[in-house]
C-alpha atoms as a PDB file:
ATOM      1  CA  MET A   1      -0.025  -0.176   0.075  1.00  0.00           C
ATOM      2  CA  THR A   2       1.299   3.339  -0.931  1.00  0.00           C
ATOM      3  CA  PRO A   3       0.944   6.170   1.776  1.00  0.00           C
ATOM      4  CA  PRO A   4      -1.169   9.213   0.587  1.00  0.00           C
ATOM      5  CA  ASP A   5       0.087  12.352  -0.002  1.00  0.00           C
ATOM      6  CA  PRO A   6       0.761  14.042   3.537  1.00  0.00           C
ATOM      7  CA  PRO A   7      -1.937  16.535   4.435  1.00  0.00           C
ATOM      8  CA  GLY A   8      -3.338  19.368   3.170  1.00  0.00           C
ATOM      9  CA  PRO A   9      -2.190  22.684   2.416  1.00  0.00           C
ATOM     10  CA  ARG A  10      -2.862  24.384   6.158  1.00  0.00           C
ATOM     11  CA  VAL A  11      -0.456  21.670   7.354  1.00  0.00           C
ATOM     12  CA  GLU A  12       2.258  22.737   4.773  1.00  0.00           C
ATOM     13  CA  HIS A  13       1.882  25.921   5.216  1.00  0.00           C
ATOM     14  CA  VAL A  14       2.297  25.283   8.651  1.00  0.00           C
ATOM     15  CA  ALA A  15       5.762  23.782   8.224  1.00  0.00           C
ATOM     16  CA  GLU A  16       6.748  26.336   5.937  1.00  0.00           C
ATOM     17  CA  GLU A  17       5.671  28.771   8.440  1.00  0.00           C
ATOM     18  CA  LEU A  18       7.709  26.768  11.633  1.00  0.00           C
ATOM     19  CA  GLN A  19      10.496  26.459   9.278  1.00  0.00           C
ATOM     20  CA  ARG A  20      11.348  29.993   8.788  1.00  0.00           C
ATOM     21  CA  LEU A  21      11.568  30.116  12.437  1.00  0.00           C
ATOM     22  CA  ALA A  22      14.722  28.199  12.733  1.00  0.00           C
ATOM     23  CA  PRO A  23      16.547  25.305  11.162  1.00  0.00           C
ATOM     24  CA  ALA A  24      15.329  23.609  13.967  1.00  0.00           C
ATOM     25  CA  TYR A  25      12.088  22.964  13.299  1.00  0.00           C
ATOM     26  CA  ALA A  26      13.531  20.822  10.175  1.00  0.00           C
ATOM     27  CA  PRO A  27      11.515  17.260  10.105  1.00  0.00           C
ATOM     28  CA  THR A  28      12.741  14.851  12.952  1.00  0.00           C
ATOM     29  CA  PRO A  29      14.178  11.394  12.333  1.00  0.00           C
ATOM     30  CA  LEU A  30      11.472   8.440  11.865  1.00  0.00           C
ATOM     31  CA  TYR A  31      13.344   4.863  13.166  1.00  0.00           C
ATOM     32  CA  ASP A  32      12.833   1.760  12.356  1.00  0.00           C
ATOM     33  CA  LEU A  33      13.688   0.002  15.475  1.00  0.00           C
ATOM     34  CA  THR A  34      14.028  -4.088  14.911  1.00  0.00           C
ATOM     35  CA  ARG A  35      15.933  -4.987  18.052  1.00  0.00           C
ATOM     36  CA  LEU A  36      12.950  -3.305  19.486  1.00  0.00           C
ATOM     37  CA  ALA A  37      10.548  -5.148  17.297  1.00  0.00           C
ATOM     38  CA  ALA A  38      12.160  -8.452  17.810  1.00  0.00           C
ATOM     39  CA  ARG A  39      11.653  -7.820  21.626  1.00  0.00           C
ATOM     40  CA  LEU A  40       8.265  -7.268  21.503  1.00  0.00           C
ATOM     41  CA  GLY A  41       7.444 -10.048  19.295  1.00  0.00           C
ATOM     42  CA  VAL A  42       5.778  -7.519  16.341  1.00  0.00           C
ATOM     43  CA  GLU A  43       7.132  -7.518  12.687  1.00  0.00           C
ATOM     44  CA  GLN A  44       8.019  -3.840  12.756  1.00  0.00           C
ATOM     45  CA  VAL A  45       8.576  -0.662  15.123  1.00  0.00           C
ATOM     46  CA  LEU A  46       8.695   2.786  13.851  1.00  0.00           C
ATOM     47  CA  ALA A  47       9.479   5.449  16.022  1.00  0.00           C
ATOM     48  CA  LYS A  48       9.072   9.011  15.511  1.00  0.00           C
ATOM     49  CA  ASP A  49      11.486  11.275  17.253  1.00  0.00           C
ATOM     50  CA  GLU A  50      10.873  14.398  18.376  1.00  0.00           C
ATOM     51  CA  GLY A  51      13.167  15.148  21.094  1.00  0.00           C
ATOM     52  CA  ARG A  52      15.006  16.282  18.120  1.00  0.00           C
ATOM     53  CA  ARG A  53      12.774  19.367  17.446  1.00  0.00           C
ATOM     54  CA  THR A  54      13.556  22.844  18.769  1.00  0.00           C
ATOM     55  CA  LEU A  55      12.957  23.154  22.153  1.00  0.00           C
ATOM     56  CA  GLY A  56      13.181  19.226  22.738  1.00  0.00           C
ATOM     57  CA  SER A  57       9.890  18.364  22.250  1.00  0.00           C
ATOM     58  CA  PHE A  58       6.750  18.251  19.941  1.00  0.00           C
ATOM     59  CA  LYS A  59       4.989  20.890  22.011  1.00  0.00           C
ATOM     60  CA  SER A  60       7.118  23.637  20.007  1.00  0.00           C
ATOM     61  CA  LEU A  61       4.725  22.617  16.440  1.00  0.00           C
ATOM     62  CA  GLY A  62       1.511  23.536  18.612  1.00  0.00           C
ATOM     63  CA  GLY A  63       2.352  26.180  20.805  1.00  0.00           C
ATOM     64  CA  THR A  64       5.037  28.321  18.988  1.00  0.00           C
ATOM     65  CA  TYR A  65       2.604  28.436  16.023  1.00  0.00           C
ATOM     66  CA  ALA A  66      -0.787  28.888  18.196  1.00  0.00           C
ATOM     67  CA  GLY A  67       0.840  31.508  20.033  1.00  0.00           C
ATOM     68  CA  LEU A  68       2.173  33.596  17.104  1.00  0.00           C
ATOM     69  CA  ARG A  69      -0.963  32.649  15.213  1.00  0.00           C
ATOM     70  CA  ALA A  70      -2.942  34.520  17.873  1.00  0.00           C
ATOM     71  CA  LEU A  71      -0.332  37.625  17.975  1.00  0.00           C
ATOM     72  CA  ALA A  72      -0.999  37.894  14.152  1.00  0.00           C
ATOM     73  CA  ARG A  73      -5.045  37.885  14.713  1.00  0.00           C
ATOM     74  CA  ALA A  74      -4.409  40.628  17.410  1.00  0.00           C
ATOM     75  CA  ALA A  75      -2.143  42.864  15.177  1.00  0.00           C
ATOM     76  CA  GLY A  76      -4.169  41.910  11.807  1.00  0.00           C
ATOM     77  CA  GLU A  77      -1.398  41.008   9.905  1.00  0.00           C
ATOM     78  CA  ASP A  78      -0.071  37.345   8.810  1.00  0.00           C
ATOM     79  CA  ILE A  79       3.030  35.671  10.984  1.00  0.00           C
ATOM     80  CA  GLY A  80       5.330  36.788   8.178  1.00  0.00           C
ATOM     81  CA  GLY A  81       4.729  40.995   9.407  1.00  0.00           C
ATOM     82  CA  LEU A  82       4.392  39.884  12.643  1.00  0.00           C
ATOM     83  CA  LEU A  83       7.690  38.603  13.108  1.00  0.00           C
ATOM     84  CA  ALA A  84       9.278  41.879  10.738  1.00  0.00           C
ATOM     85  CA  ARG A  85       9.960  43.899  13.945  1.00  0.00           C
ATOM     86  CA  PRO A  86       9.676  43.530  17.582  1.00  0.00           C
ATOM     87  CA  ARG A  87       6.192  44.475  19.083  1.00  0.00           C
ATOM     88  CA  PRO A  88       6.226  45.302  22.512  1.00  0.00           C
ATOM     89  CA  GLU A  89       2.912  46.798  22.788  1.00  0.00           C
ATOM     90  CA  LEU A  90       1.296  43.562  21.579  1.00  0.00           C
ATOM     91  CA  PRO A  91      -0.616  41.128  24.175  1.00  0.00           C
ATOM     92  CA  THR A  92       1.488  39.573  26.388  1.00  0.00           C
ATOM     93  CA  LEU A  93       0.286  35.659  25.921  1.00  0.00           C
ATOM     94  CA  LEU A  94      -0.798  33.425  29.212  1.00  0.00           C
ATOM     95  CA  CYS A  95      -0.884  29.843  29.232  1.00  0.00           C
ATOM     96  CA  ALA A  96      -1.083  26.771  31.635  1.00  0.00           C
ATOM     97  CA  SER A  97       1.566  24.269  31.218  1.00  0.00           C
ATOM     98  CA  ASP A  98       3.011  21.177  32.918  1.00  0.00           C
ATOM     99  CA  GLY A  99       6.201  22.636  31.064  1.00  0.00           C
ATOM    100  CA  ASN A 100       6.636  21.773  27.807  1.00  0.00           C
ATOM    101  CA  HIS A 101       3.816  23.689  26.551  1.00  0.00           C
ATOM    102  CA  GLY A 102       4.447  26.759  28.511  1.00  0.00           C
ATOM    103  CA  LEU A 103       8.153  26.671  26.855  1.00  0.00           C
ATOM    104  CA  ALA A 104       6.598  26.430  23.192  1.00  0.00           C
ATOM    105  CA  VAL A 105       4.580  29.691  23.941  1.00  0.00           C
ATOM    106  CA  ALA A 106       7.116  31.370  25.926  1.00  0.00           C
ATOM    107  CA  GLU A 107       9.245  30.899  22.484  1.00  0.00           C
ATOM    108  CA  ALA A 108       6.357  32.320  20.375  1.00  0.00           C
ATOM    109  CA  ALA A 109       6.372  35.533  22.401  1.00  0.00           C
ATOM    110  CA  ARG A 110      10.212  35.873  21.924  1.00  0.00           C
ATOM    111  CA  LEU A 111       9.854  35.306  18.564  1.00  0.00           C
ATOM    112  CA  ALA A 112       7.158  38.373  18.215  1.00  0.00           C
ATOM    113  CA  GLY A 113       9.412  40.776  20.455  1.00  0.00           C
ATOM    114  CA  THR A 114       6.308  40.636  23.326  1.00  0.00           C
ATOM    115  CA  ARG A 115       5.987  38.993  26.648  1.00  0.00           C
ATOM    116  CA  ALA A 116       4.517  35.882  28.178  1.00  0.00           C
ATOM    117  CA  ARG A 117       3.285  34.634  31.521  1.00  0.00           C
ATOM    118  CA  VAL A 118       3.328  30.652  32.366  1.00  0.00           C
ATOM    119  CA  PHE A 119       1.259  29.259  34.823  1.00  0.00           C
ATOM    120  CA  LEU A 120       2.765  26.207  36.044  1.00  0.00           C
ATOM    121  CA  HIS A 121       1.984  24.021  39.317  1.00  0.00           C
ATOM    122  CA  GLY A 122       3.973  22.861  42.170  1.00  0.00           C
ATOM    123  CA  GLY A 123       5.369  19.154  40.264  1.00  0.00           C
ATOM    124  CA  VAL A 124       7.048  21.394  37.468  1.00  0.00           C
ATOM    125  CA  PRO A 125      11.128  21.014  38.275  1.00  0.00           C
ATOM    126  CA  ASP A 126      12.669  24.485  39.372  1.00  0.00           C
ATOM    127  CA  ASP A 127      15.180  24.093  36.394  1.00  0.00           C
ATOM    128  CA  ARG A 128      12.164  23.498  34.276  1.00  0.00           C
ATOM    129  CA  VAL A 129      11.195  26.579  35.214  1.00  0.00           C
ATOM    130  CA  LYS A 130      14.503  28.071  34.454  1.00  0.00           C
ATOM    131  CA  ARG A 131      14.634  26.955  30.735  1.00  0.00           C
ATOM    132  CA  ILE A 132      10.842  29.335  30.310  1.00  0.00           C
ATOM    133  CA  ALA A 133      12.735  32.084  32.491  1.00  0.00           C
ATOM    134  CA  ALA A 134      15.388  32.032  30.495  1.00  0.00           C
ATOM    135  CA  LEU A 135      12.871  32.530  27.051  1.00  0.00           C
ATOM    136  CA  GLY A 136      11.603  36.051  29.120  1.00  0.00           C
ATOM    137  CA  ALA A 137       8.345  34.653  30.408  1.00  0.00           C
ATOM    138  CA  GLU A 138       7.316  35.403  33.613  1.00  0.00           C
ATOM    139  CA  VAL A 139       6.422  32.320  35.597  1.00  0.00           C
ATOM    140  CA  VAL A 140       3.641  31.771  38.097  1.00  0.00           C
ATOM    141  CA  ARG A 141       3.409  28.982  40.419  1.00  0.00           C
ATOM    142  CA  VAL A 142      -0.222  27.847  41.131  1.00  0.00           C
ATOM    143  CA  ALA A 143      -1.182  25.390  44.188  1.00  0.00           C
ATOM    144  CA  GLY A 144      -2.696  22.274  42.940  1.00  0.00           C
ATOM    145  CA  THR A 145      -2.686  20.060  39.582  1.00  0.00           C
ATOM    146  CA  TYR A 146      -2.414  21.463  36.080  1.00  0.00           C
ATOM    147  CA  ASP A 147      -6.106  21.540  36.135  1.00  0.00           C
ATOM    148  CA  ASP A 148      -5.666  24.161  38.441  1.00  0.00           C
ATOM    149  CA  THR A 149      -3.168  26.434  36.268  1.00  0.00           C
ATOM    150  CA  VAL A 150      -5.383  26.387  33.514  1.00  0.00           C
ATOM    151  CA  ALA A 151      -7.866  27.622  35.691  1.00  0.00           C
ATOM    152  CA  ALA A 152      -5.925  30.338  36.629  1.00  0.00           C
ATOM    153  CA  ALA A 153      -4.488  31.360  33.284  1.00  0.00           C
ATOM    154  CA  ALA A 154      -7.619  31.293  32.251  1.00  0.00           C
ATOM    155  CA  SER A 155      -9.047  34.161  35.051  1.00  0.00           C
ATOM    156  CA  ALA A 156      -6.077  35.643  34.198  1.00  0.00           C
ATOM    157  CA  ALA A 157      -7.171  36.580  30.586  1.00  0.00           C
ATOM    158  CA  ARG A 158     -10.764  36.819  31.428  1.00  0.00           C
ATOM    159  CA  ASN A 159      -9.601  39.529  33.877  1.00  0.00           C
ATOM    160  CA  GLY A 160      -7.702  41.264  30.739  1.00  0.00           C
ATOM    161  CA  SER A 161      -3.922  40.580  31.730  1.00  0.00           C
ATOM    162  CA  GLY A 162      -3.418  38.962  27.759  1.00  0.00           C
ATOM    163  CA  LEU A 163      -4.212  36.610  25.216  1.00  0.00           C
ATOM    164  CA  LEU A 164      -4.805  33.101  26.574  1.00  0.00           C
ATOM    165  CA  VAL A 165      -2.661  30.216  24.392  1.00  0.00           C
ATOM    166  CA  PRO A 166      -4.613  27.071  25.855  1.00  0.00           C
ATOM    167  CA  ASP A 167      -3.966  23.526  24.732  1.00  0.00           C
ATOM    168  CA  THR A 168      -7.185  22.595  25.625  1.00  0.00           C
ATOM    169  CA  THR A 169     -10.378  23.791  25.706  1.00  0.00           C
ATOM    170  CA  ASP A 170     -14.184  22.733  26.881  1.00  0.00           C
ATOM    171  CA  ASP A 171     -15.388  24.579  23.884  1.00  0.00           C
ATOM    172  CA  PRO A 172     -14.918  22.007  20.704  1.00  0.00           C
ATOM    173  CA  SER A 173     -14.251  24.705  18.099  1.00  0.00           C
ATOM    174  CA  HIS A 174     -11.724  26.781  19.843  1.00  0.00           C
ATOM    175  CA  PRO A 175      -9.601  28.993  17.329  1.00  0.00           C
ATOM    176  CA  VAL A 176      -6.313  28.688  19.605  1.00  0.00           C
ATOM    177  CA  VAL A 177      -6.263  24.829  20.119  1.00  0.00           C
ATOM    178  CA  GLN A 178      -7.132  24.411  17.250  1.00  0.00           C
ATOM    179  CA  ASP A 179      -4.130  25.854  15.989  1.00  0.00           C
ATOM    180  CA  VAL A 180      -1.809  23.331  18.092  1.00  0.00           C
ATOM    181  CA  MET A 181      -3.308  20.736  16.900  1.00  0.00           C
ATOM    182  CA  ALA A 182      -2.676  22.014  13.357  1.00  0.00           C
ATOM    183  CA  GLY A 183       0.873  22.356  14.443  1.00  0.00           C
ATOM    184  CA  TYR A 184       0.845  18.645  15.391  1.00  0.00           C
ATOM    185  CA  ALA A 185      -0.292  17.384  12.512  1.00  0.00           C
ATOM    186  CA  VAL A 186       3.131  18.727  10.763  1.00  0.00           C
ATOM    187  CA  MET A 187       4.333  15.460  12.687  1.00  0.00           C
ATOM    188  CA  ALA A 188       1.950  13.305  10.408  1.00  0.00           C
ATOM    189  CA  ALA A 189       2.984  14.823   7.058  1.00  0.00           C
ATOM    190  CA  GLU A 190       6.447  14.347   8.039  1.00  0.00           C
ATOM    191  CA  ILE A 191       5.557  10.598   9.119  1.00  0.00           C
ATOM    192  CA  LEU A 192       4.022   9.971   5.745  1.00  0.00           C
ATOM    193  CA  ARG A 193       6.463  11.633   3.635  1.00  0.00           C
ATOM    194  CA  GLN A 194       9.167   9.462   5.581  1.00  0.00           C
ATOM    195  CA  THR A 195       7.485   6.027   5.368  1.00  0.00           C
ATOM    196  CA  ARG A 196       7.210   7.101   1.515  1.00  0.00           C
ATOM    197  CA  ALA A 197      10.583   7.337   1.152  1.00  0.00           C
ATOM    198  CA  SER A 198      11.697   4.451   3.012  1.00  0.00           C
ATOM    199  CA  GLY A 199       9.542   1.784   1.485  1.00  0.00           C
ATOM    200  CA  HIS A 200       8.182   0.664   4.740  1.00  0.00           C
ATOM    201  CA  ARG A 201       4.780  -0.431   4.769  1.00  0.00           C
ATOM    202  CA  PRO A 202       2.364   1.276   6.625  1.00  0.00           C
ATOM    203  CA  PRO A 203       1.947   0.773  10.504  1.00  0.00           C
ATOM    204  CA  THR A 204      -0.789  -1.408  11.407  1.00  0.00           C
ATOM    205  CA  HIS A 205      -1.160   0.579  14.774  1.00  0.00           C
ATOM    206  CA  LEU A 206      -0.700   3.892  16.109  1.00  0.00           C
ATOM    207  CA  PHE A 207       0.033   3.982  19.979  1.00  0.00           C
ATOM    208  CA  VAL A 208       0.398   7.448  20.886  1.00  0.00           C
ATOM    209  CA  GLN A 209       0.388   8.969  24.524  1.00  0.00           C
ATOM    210  CA  ALA A 210      -2.079  11.360  25.625  1.00  0.00           C
ATOM    211  CA  GLY A 211      -2.455  14.500  28.105  1.00  0.00           C
ATOM    212  CA  VAL A 212      -5.462  16.017  27.593  1.00  0.00           C
ATOM    213  CA  GLY A 213      -5.676  14.540  23.932  1.00  0.00           C
ATOM    214  CA  GLY A 214      -4.628  17.258  21.341  1.00  0.00           C
ATOM    215  CA  LEU A 215      -1.580  15.110  20.166  1.00  0.00           C
ATOM    216  CA  ALA A 216      -4.025  11.981  19.313  1.00  0.00           C
ATOM    217  CA  ALA A 217      -6.273  13.723  17.689  1.00  0.00           C
ATOM    218  CA  ALA A 218      -4.381  15.162  15.167  1.00  0.00           C
ATOM    219  CA  MET A 219      -2.553  12.009  14.733  1.00  0.00           C
ATOM    220  CA  ALA A 220      -5.932  10.836  14.378  1.00  0.00           C
ATOM    221  CA  ASP A 221      -7.142  12.744  11.864  1.00  0.00           C
ATOM    222  CA  ALA A 222      -4.048  12.812  10.067  1.00  0.00           C
ATOM    223  CA  LEU A 223      -3.356   9.223  10.025  1.00  0.00           C
ATOM    224  CA  GLY A 224      -6.262   7.057  10.910  1.00  0.00           C
ATOM    225  CA  SER A 225      -7.049   6.439   6.991  1.00  0.00           C
ATOM    226  CA  TRP A 226      -3.563   5.762   6.279  1.00  0.00           C
ATOM    227  CA  LEU A 227      -3.108   3.086   8.348  1.00  0.00           C
ATOM    228  CA  ALA A 228      -3.053  -0.734   7.257  1.00  0.00           C
ATOM    229  CA  PRO A 229      -5.363  -3.339   9.056  1.00  0.00           C
ATOM    230  CA  PRO A 230      -6.382  -3.437  11.416  1.00  0.00           C
ATOM    231  CA  ALA A 231      -5.735  -0.120  11.643  1.00  0.00           C
ATOM    232  CA  VAL A 232      -6.342   0.119  15.538  1.00  0.00           C
ATOM    233  CA  LEU A 233      -5.024   3.865  16.934  1.00  0.00           C
ATOM    234  CA  VAL A 234      -4.757   3.563  20.648  1.00  0.00           C
ATOM    235  CA  VAL A 235      -4.505   6.367  23.244  1.00  0.00           C
ATOM    236  CA  VAL A 236      -2.220   5.458  25.960  1.00  0.00           C
ATOM    237  CA  GLU A 237      -2.594   7.390  29.680  1.00  0.00           C
ATOM    238  CA  PRO A 238      -0.840   6.680  32.913  1.00  0.00           C
ATOM    239  CA  ALA A 239      -3.600   5.032  34.875  1.00  0.00           C
ATOM    240  CA  ALA A 240      -3.293   7.788  37.652  1.00  0.00           C
ATOM    241  CA  ALA A 241      -3.984  10.036  35.147  1.00  0.00           C
ATOM    242  CA  ARG A 242      -6.243   8.698  32.817  1.00  0.00           C
ATOM    243  CA  CYS A 243      -9.239  11.752  31.335  1.00  0.00           C
ATOM    244  CA  VAL A 244      -8.803  10.684  28.045  1.00  0.00           C
ATOM    245  CA  GLY A 245     -10.145   7.106  28.590  1.00  0.00           C
ATOM    246  CA  ALA A 246     -12.518   8.273  31.221  1.00  0.00           C
ATOM    247  CA  ALA A 247     -14.047  10.442  28.658  1.00  0.00           C
ATOM    248  CA  LEU A 248     -14.257   8.247  25.773  1.00  0.00           C
ATOM    249  CA  GLU A 249     -16.351   5.578  28.142  1.00  0.00           C
ATOM    250  CA  ALA A 250     -18.920   8.457  29.054  1.00  0.00           C
ATOM    251  CA  GLY A 251     -18.809   9.935  25.639  1.00  0.00           C
ATOM    252  CA  HIS A 252     -18.323  13.411  27.299  1.00  0.00           C
ATOM    253  CA  LEU A 253     -16.040  15.262  29.056  1.00  0.00           C
ATOM    254  CA  VAL A 254     -15.000  14.349  32.506  1.00  0.00           C
ATOM    255  CA  GLN A 255     -12.804  15.613  35.184  1.00  0.00           C
ATOM    256  CA  LEU A 256     -10.855  13.357  37.274  1.00  0.00           C
ATOM    257  CA  GLY A 257      -9.704  13.777  41.226  1.00  0.00           C
ATOM    258  CA  GLY A 258      -6.923  13.471  43.333  1.00  0.00           C
ATOM    259  CA  ASP A 259      -3.341  14.695  42.898  1.00  0.00           C
ATOM    260  CA  LEU A 260      -3.130  12.813  39.256  1.00  0.00           C
ATOM    261  CA  GLU A 261       0.653  12.314  40.719  1.00  0.00           C
ATOM    262  CA  THR A 262       2.692  10.426  37.658  1.00  0.00           C
ATOM    263  CA  ALA A 263       6.128   9.477  35.948  1.00  0.00           C
ATOM    264  CA  ALA A 264       5.021  10.706  33.365  1.00  0.00           C
ATOM    265  CA  ALA A 265       4.224  14.416  34.294  1.00  0.00           C
ATOM    266  CA  MET A 266       3.611  15.608  30.726  1.00  0.00           C
ATOM    267  CA  LEU A 267       0.763  13.665  30.864  1.00  0.00           C
ATOM    268  CA  SER A 268      -0.865  14.029  34.408  1.00  0.00           C
ATOM    269  CA  CYS A 269      -3.803  16.330  33.130  1.00  0.00           C
ATOM    270  CA  GLY A 270      -7.596  15.622  34.924  1.00  0.00           C
ATOM    271  CA  ARG A 271      -9.707  16.719  32.122  1.00  0.00           C
ATOM    272  CA  ALA A 272      -9.706  16.231  28.344  1.00  0.00           C
ATOM    273  CA  SER A 273      -9.730  18.948  25.807  1.00  0.00           C
ATOM    274  CA  ALA A 274     -13.165  19.203  23.421  1.00  0.00           C
ATOM    275  CA  PRO A 275     -11.737  19.680  20.316  1.00  0.00           C
ATOM    276  CA  ALA A 276      -9.594  16.150  21.104  1.00  0.00           C
ATOM    277  CA  LEU A 277     -12.280  14.615  22.344  1.00  0.00           C
ATOM    278  CA  ASP A 278     -14.805  14.490  19.109  1.00  0.00           C
ATOM    279  CA  VAL A 279     -12.152  13.489  16.768  1.00  0.00           C
ATOM    280  CA  LEU A 280     -11.040  10.672  18.834  1.00  0.00           C
ATOM    281  CA  LEU A 281     -14.974   9.678  19.544  1.00  0.00           C
ATOM    282  CA  ARG A 282     -15.718  10.023  15.742  1.00  0.00           C
ATOM    283  CA  HIS A 283     -12.635   7.817  14.812  1.00  0.00           C
ATOM    284  CA  ARG A 284     -13.183   5.549  17.679  1.00  0.00           C
ATOM    285  CA  VAL A 285     -10.070   5.533  19.301  1.00  0.00           C
ATOM    286  CA  ARG A 286      -9.296   2.862  22.035  1.00  0.00           C
ATOM    287  CA  ALA A 287      -7.859   3.740  25.469  1.00  0.00           C
ATOM    288  CA  LEU A 288      -4.884   1.989  27.345  1.00  0.00           C
ATOM    289  CA  ALA A 289      -4.384   2.774  30.862  1.00  0.00           C
ATOM    290  CA  VAL A 290      -0.743   1.991  31.950  1.00  0.00           C
ATOM    291  CA  SER A 291       1.078   1.449  35.327  1.00  0.00           C
ATOM    292  CA  GLU A 292       3.288   3.332  37.041  1.00  0.00           C
ATOM    293  CA  GLU A 293       5.996   0.546  36.685  1.00  0.00           C
ATOM    294  CA  ARG A 294       5.420   0.243  32.391  1.00  0.00           C
ATOM    295  CA  LEU A 295       5.747   4.022  32.203  1.00  0.00           C
ATOM    296  CA  LEU A 296       9.217   3.732  34.471  1.00  0.00           C
ATOM    297  CA  GLU A 297      10.598   1.101  31.998  1.00  0.00           C
ATOM    298  CA  ALA A 298       9.802   1.975  28.440  1.00  0.00           C
ATOM    299  CA  PRO A 299      12.565   4.762  28.502  1.00  0.00           C
ATOM    300  CA  GLY A 300      15.505   1.811  29.038  1.00  0.00           C
ATOM    301  CA  TRP A 301      13.243  -0.515  26.152  1.00  0.00           C
ATOM    302  CA  LEU A 302      13.437   2.795  24.256  1.00  0.00           C
ATOM    303  CA  LEU A 303      17.058   3.316  24.378  1.00  0.00           C
ATOM    304  CA  GLU A 304      18.171  -0.838  24.011  1.00  0.00           C
ATOM    305  CA  GLY A 305      16.217  -1.159  21.225  1.00  0.00           C
ATOM    306  CA  GLY A 306      18.242   1.719  19.029  1.00  0.00           C
ATOM    307  CA  GLY A 307      16.005   4.464  20.120  1.00  0.00           C
ATOM    308  CA  PRO A 308      16.759   7.845  21.340  1.00  0.00           C
ATOM    309  CA  PRO A 309      17.435   8.806  25.007  1.00  0.00           C
ATOM    310  CA  SER A 310      13.466   9.946  26.537  1.00  0.00           C
ATOM    311  CA  THR A 311      11.514  10.378  29.504  1.00  0.00           C
ATOM    312  CA  PRO A 312       8.352   8.270  31.141  1.00  0.00           C
ATOM    313  CA  SER A 313       6.334  11.057  29.879  1.00  0.00           C
ATOM    314  CA  GLY A 314       8.125  11.198  25.891  1.00  0.00           C
ATOM    315  CA  ALA A 315       8.323   6.798  25.848  1.00  0.00           C
ATOM    316  CA  ALA A 316       4.416   6.329  27.303  1.00  0.00           C
ATOM    317  CA  GLY A 317       3.475   5.202  23.667  1.00  0.00           C
ATOM    318  CA  LEU A 318       5.972   2.328  23.883  1.00  0.00           C
ATOM    319  CA  ALA A 319       4.391   1.421  27.499  1.00  0.00           C
ATOM    320  CA  GLY A 320       1.435   0.779  25.971  1.00  0.00           C
ATOM    321  CA  VAL A 321       2.742  -1.429  23.168  1.00  0.00           C
ATOM    322  CA  MET A 322       4.677  -3.232  26.079  1.00  0.00           C
ATOM    323  CA  ALA A 323       1.347  -3.432  28.273  1.00  0.00           C
ATOM    324  CA  ALA A 324      -0.392  -5.046  25.988  1.00  0.00           C
ATOM    325  CA  VAL A 325       2.179  -7.703  24.503  1.00  0.00           C
ATOM    326  CA  GLU A 326       2.334  -8.800  28.014  1.00  0.00           C
ATOM    327  CA  ASP A 327      -1.242  -9.011  28.600  1.00  0.00           C
ATOM    328  CA  LEU A 328      -3.220 -11.744  26.296  1.00  0.00           C
ATOM    329  CA  ALA A 329      -6.527 -10.165  26.819  1.00  0.00           C
ATOM    330  CA  GLU A 330      -5.337  -6.453  26.042  1.00  0.00           C
ATOM    331  CA  ALA A 331      -3.339  -7.946  22.850  1.00  0.00           C
ATOM    332  CA  ALA A 332      -6.875  -9.505  21.882  1.00  0.00           C
ATOM    333  CA  ARG A 333      -8.814  -6.348  22.678  1.00  0.00           C
ATOM    334  CA  LEU A 334      -6.563  -4.530  20.491  1.00  0.00           C
ATOM    335  CA  GLU A 335      -5.433  -6.832  17.600  1.00  0.00           C
ATOM    336  CA  LEU A 336      -1.904  -7.025  18.397  1.00  0.00           C
ATOM    337  CA  GLY A 337       0.314  -9.845  17.258  1.00  0.00           C
ATOM    338  CA  PRO A 338       3.604 -11.106  15.743  1.00  0.00           C
ATOM    339  CA  ASN A 339       2.442  -9.139  12.222  1.00  0.00           C
ATOM    340  CA  SER A 340       1.252  -6.157  13.839  1.00  0.00           C
ATOM    341  CA  ARG A 341       3.076  -2.903  12.832  1.00  0.00           C
ATOM    342  CA  PRO A 342       3.312  -0.618  15.909  1.00  0.00           C
ATOM    343  CA  LEU A 343       4.154   2.835  15.371  1.00  0.00           C
ATOM    344  CA  ILE A 344       4.783   4.785  17.904  1.00  0.00           C
ATOM    345  CA  LEU A 345       5.951   8.799  18.858  1.00  0.00           C
ATOM    346  CA  VAL A 346       8.663   9.644  21.421  1.00  0.00           C
ATOM    347  CA  THR A 347       7.581  12.818  22.116  1.00  0.00           C
ATOM    348  CA  GLU A 348      10.611  14.544  24.006  1.00  0.00           C
ATOM    349  CA  GLY A 349      14.162  13.876  24.905  1.00  0.00           C
ATOM    350  CA  VAL A 350      15.785  14.491  27.955  1.00  0.00           C
ATOM    351  CA  ALA A 351      16.139  17.807  29.024  1.00  0.00           C
ATOM    352  CA  ASP A 352      18.958  19.462  31.203  1.00  0.00           C
ATOM    353  CA  ASP A 353      16.540  19.577  34.182  1.00  0.00           C
ATOM    354  CA  GLY A 354      16.116  15.913  34.458  1.00  0.00           C
ATOM    355  CA  GLY A 355      12.254  16.158  33.675  1.00  0.00           C
ATOM    356  CA  SER A 356       9.909  15.869  30.639  1.00  0.00           C
END
């Protein structure tokens, strides 16, 4: 089966806009991990390495692009015009983050010559806070979980403190969140081109980690029709923070309680994003909650299998494959077997702060 052309003009336009910003927005590698496939007992494992992306994660595709688009709308021009000169009169960008989205939005503000204010919960490592501050952003610590930071950033925007750049929302048609997901789709366009160039057969499964679900939704829309039979899309979440799985089961947004504590810190979210949920429901995506043990083991398996260094968050898709192959019932539910060819997304590298 020949892969189809990459997603339409909008995604290509997003890629062009990002690559004008820095060479590090160039396509990231797609690896064929034969040793890992043999260890898992499957035919093939393809792994997309987003640790090589600027800022060290896939979030730089969505958050930076959406931040620049939001500022361009406010200025009444396109991104090129926005970046032609510093614009200190532009609004402050506001966002909530577990870390990576905050870095991306701070970078958007820096590129446009304006300011950013990033709301972070207490679990975000101090070195990650320093990285965000080094981009010129103001950091506001919020007691509680990621969901509390979402509420704090939204409240600040309602009070006129700046322009909100969320990666999650209860509004299914929120334009900024749609821009975030459009940025993520650049990764899918690269995967399609890379598999065509390498001659790889299309994967049979996509295992993609979810915090609020935006990445999974972007991949489902862009890659769902390309997968080979049985064409199974699997959202992988920590068992302690399975907000997307809970929403898929209920058919609507669900707010999880508790501290949501997990080694996969970038996935520590208690409420899915409405635009993402709509897409995931439409594609009949299946959910898989994985244990802390598997999340902690996955980076080592990835590295030993010839893949890049990553974190429990970045390697969570692999943790899902690991959990499925060792459980006969899960393997049957997900139609995963020796002839399967899973695709995983390594969504971040190992940052200097030791976190994700």
